[in-house]
Amino acid sequence: MKNKKFLTVLAAVLVLAVGIGVGAYAASNFGTQSDPLVAKSYLDKTVTPKLQEEFQSKLNEQVKILEQQIESSSSGQNFTAVNLTNGQILKGNAGCEIILRSGTAVSNGTSGLSDVTDGKLISSGTALTANHLCMVSTDGDGVKANSSVTLLVRGSYTIA
């Protein structure tokens, strides 16, 4: 009987010792200098506002950059009225858009112009149709005026 009491007391002491050992191990390995525990209040009051401020700052910088890009790209998006006299040639760069508003003119260059309105190619020497959007596909192609003409032009061009 004494043996049973002794074994029971010994088992209880061992369980208690193991519990204390696990608690001491957990306390010594969590919340150390190299691996600290962080309180929710610290996250809420210190870390989160700092992260939000940094994010907002970077976001504002990117918005400014995009606004500048949009402003610079949209400034060249308007058509410009160009007047040519008989015999003058407007030579556009690839992508230049031309609309004949008044007068008579013919396509000039090696590849001709693309009539975007009709979906056709206007070969060199062929008359342009008034109010049709034409696009230059090869640098140096363009329009030769057969009379005084008014064109709407968007893109890079030179007049010869």
Protein backbone atom coordinates (compact mmCIF):
# COMPACT_ATOMS: atom_id res chain seq x y z
CA MET A 1 0.00 0.00 0.00
CA LYS A 2 2.85 2.25 0.81
CA ASN A 3 4.20 1.52 -2.65
CA LYS A 4 0.99 2.66 -4.32
CA LYS A 5 0.90 5.91 -2.38
CA PHE A 6 4.54 6.45 -3.11
CA LEU A 7 4.04 5.79 -6.85
CA THR A 8 1.02 8.10 -6.94
CA VAL A 9 2.93 10.91 -5.23
CA LEU A 10 5.90 10.29 -7.52
CA ALA A 11 3.65 10.40 -10.63
CA ALA A 12 2.03 13.65 -9.44
CA VAL A 13 5.46 15.21 -8.81
CA LEU A 14 6.64 14.10 -12.27
CA VAL A 15 3.53 15.54 -13.94
CA LEU A 16 4.01 18.78 -12.03
CA ALA A 17 7.72 18.89 -12.96
CA VAL A 18 6.94 18.30 -16.63
CA GLY A 19 4.28 21.06 -16.54
CA ILE A 20 6.71 23.51 -14.95
CA GLY A 21 9.41 22.52 -17.46
CA VAL A 22 7.10 23.07 -20.45
CA GLY A 23 5.97 26.42 -19.05
CA ALA A 24 9.56 27.52 -18.46
CA TYR A 25 10.54 26.42 -21.99
CA ALA A 26 7.60 28.30 -23.53
CA ALA A 27 8.34 31.42 -21.51
CA SER A 28 12.01 31.38 -22.44
CA ASN A 29 11.47 30.79 -26.19
CA PHE A 30 8.59 33.16 -26.91
CA GLY A 31 8.91 36.87 -26.55
CA THR A 32 12.69 36.92 -26.54
CA GLN A 33 14.87 39.78 -27.72
CA SER A 34 15.38 38.12 -31.09
CA ASP A 35 11.73 37.01 -31.46
CA PRO A 36 9.53 39.44 -29.50
CA LEU A 37 5.82 39.14 -28.99
CA VAL A 38 3.87 42.07 -30.42
CA ALA A 39 0.80 43.52 -28.77
CA LYS A 40 -2.27 44.30 -30.87
CA SER A 41 -2.34 47.84 -29.49
CA TYR A 42 1.21 48.38 -30.78
CA LEU A 43 0.15 47.23 -34.23
CA ASP A 44 -2.99 49.39 -34.17
CA LYS A 45 -1.38 52.55 -32.83
CA THR A 46 2.12 52.47 -34.30
CA VAL A 47 2.69 50.06 -37.18
CA THR A 48 -0.60 50.37 -39.07
CA PRO A 49 -0.63 54.21 -39.28
CA LYS A 50 3.00 54.23 -40.43
CA LEU A 51 2.29 51.66 -43.15
CA GLN A 52 -0.81 53.57 -44.25
CA GLU A 53 1.18 56.81 -44.45
CA GLU A 54 3.93 55.19 -46.53
CA PHE A 55 1.36 53.56 -48.82
CA GLN A 56 -0.52 56.84 -49.32
CA SER A 57 2.72 58.66 -50.08
CA LYS A 58 3.76 56.11 -52.73
CA LEU A 59 0.23 56.09 -54.16
CA ASN A 60 0.23 59.91 -54.46
CA GLU A 61 3.60 59.79 -56.26
CA GLN A 62 2.30 57.24 -58.77
CA VAL A 63 -0.90 59.23 -59.34
CA LYS A 64 1.16 62.36 -60.12
CA ILE A 65 3.31 60.42 -62.59
CA LEU A 66 0.25 58.98 -64.33
CA GLU A 67 -1.46 62.38 -64.48
CA GLN A 68 1.64 63.86 -66.12
CA GLN A 69 1.74 61.01 -68.64
CA ILE A 70 -1.94 61.44 -69.47
CA GLU A 71 -1.55 65.21 -69.80
CA SER A 72 1.47 64.91 -72.10
CA SER A 73 -0.12 62.24 -74.27
CA SER A 74 -3.49 63.97 -74.58
CA SER A 75 -1.97 67.31 -75.58
CA GLY A 76 -0.95 65.83 -78.94
CA GLN A 77 -4.36 64.24 -79.52
CA ASN A 78 -6.08 67.19 -81.15
CA PHE A 79 -6.42 67.74 -84.87
CA THR A 80 -4.69 70.81 -86.30
CA ALA A 81 -6.11 72.74 -89.25
CA VAL A 82 -3.53 72.93 -92.05
CA ASN A 83 -3.97 75.01 -95.23
CA LEU A 84 -2.08 74.06 -98.40
CA THR A 85 -1.88 75.92 -101.69
CA ASN A 86 -1.94 74.31 -105.11
CA GLY A 87 1.09 72.02 -105.53
CA GLN A 88 2.15 71.86 -101.87
CA ILE A 89 2.72 68.42 -100.37
CA LEU A 90 2.05 67.37 -96.79
CA LYS A 91 4.32 64.45 -95.80
CA GLY A 92 3.30 62.59 -92.67
CA ASN A 93 5.03 60.11 -90.42
CA ALA A 94 3.55 56.65 -89.98
CA GLY A 95 0.30 56.92 -88.00
CA CYS A 96 -0.40 60.51 -89.03
CA GLU A 97 -4.13 61.06 -89.58
CA ILE A 98 -5.48 63.38 -92.28
CA ILE A 99 -9.01 64.56 -93.05
CA LEU A 100 -9.66 66.59 -96.22
CA ARG A 101 -12.13 69.34 -95.26
CA SER A 102 -12.18 71.48 -98.42
CA GLY A 103 -10.54 71.65 -101.84
CA THR A 104 -9.13 68.80 -103.92
CA ALA A 105 -6.06 66.72 -103.13
CA VAL A 106 -4.52 63.40 -104.12
CA SER A 107 -2.60 60.75 -102.23
CA ASN A 108 1.14 61.17 -102.59
CA GLY A 109 3.97 58.75 -101.84
CA THR A 110 4.98 55.14 -102.32
CA SER A 111 2.39 53.19 -100.29
CA GLY A 112 -0.58 55.52 -100.53
CA LEU A 113 -2.97 56.26 -97.68
CA SER A 114 -5.40 54.08 -95.79
CA ASP A 115 -8.97 55.44 -95.97
CA VAL A 116 -10.15 54.38 -92.54
CA THR A 117 -13.71 55.55 -93.20
CA ASP A 118 -14.18 53.26 -96.22
CA GLY A 119 -11.63 50.66 -95.23
CA LYS A 120 -9.77 50.99 -98.53
CA LEU A 121 -6.29 51.84 -99.75
CA ILE A 122 -5.94 55.14 -101.63
CA SER A 123 -3.05 54.53 -104.04
CA SER A 124 -0.67 57.33 -104.98
CA GLY A 125 -2.28 59.86 -107.34
CA THR A 126 -5.87 58.96 -106.36
CA ALA A 127 -8.17 61.73 -105.13
CA LEU A 128 -9.09 61.92 -101.47
CA THR A 129 -12.74 61.98 -100.45
CA ALA A 130 -13.79 64.96 -98.34
CA ASN A 131 -14.41 64.27 -94.64
CA HIS A 132 -12.87 60.77 -94.74
CA LEU A 133 -10.26 59.87 -92.16
CA CYS A 134 -7.05 58.81 -93.89
CA MET A 135 -3.96 57.39 -92.22
CA VAL A 136 -0.34 57.46 -93.35
CA SER A 137 1.16 53.97 -93.19
CA THR A 138 4.71 54.75 -94.39
CA ASP A 139 6.88 57.70 -93.33
CA GLY A 140 6.94 60.34 -96.05
CA ASP A 141 3.61 59.46 -97.65
CA GLY A 142 0.92 62.12 -97.60
CA VAL A 143 -1.25 64.49 -99.60
CA LYS A 144 -0.59 66.72 -102.61
CA ALA A 145 -2.91 69.71 -102.99
CA ASN A 146 -4.53 70.26 -106.44
CA SER A 147 -6.08 73.52 -105.26
CA SER A 148 -6.26 75.48 -102.03
CA VAL A 149 -7.12 72.84 -99.43
CA THR A 150 -7.88 72.71 -95.77
CA LEU A 151 -6.86 69.56 -93.91
CA LEU A 152 -7.28 68.41 -90.36
CA VAL A 153 -4.07 66.68 -89.31
CA ARG A 154 -3.17 64.75 -86.18
CA GLY A 155 0.40 63.50 -85.82
CA SER A 156 3.86 64.47 -87.08
CA TYR A 157 4.16 65.96 -90.57
CA THR A 158 6.16 68.33 -92.77
CA ILE A 159 5.06 70.55 -95.65
CA ALA A 160 7.08 70.71 -98.85
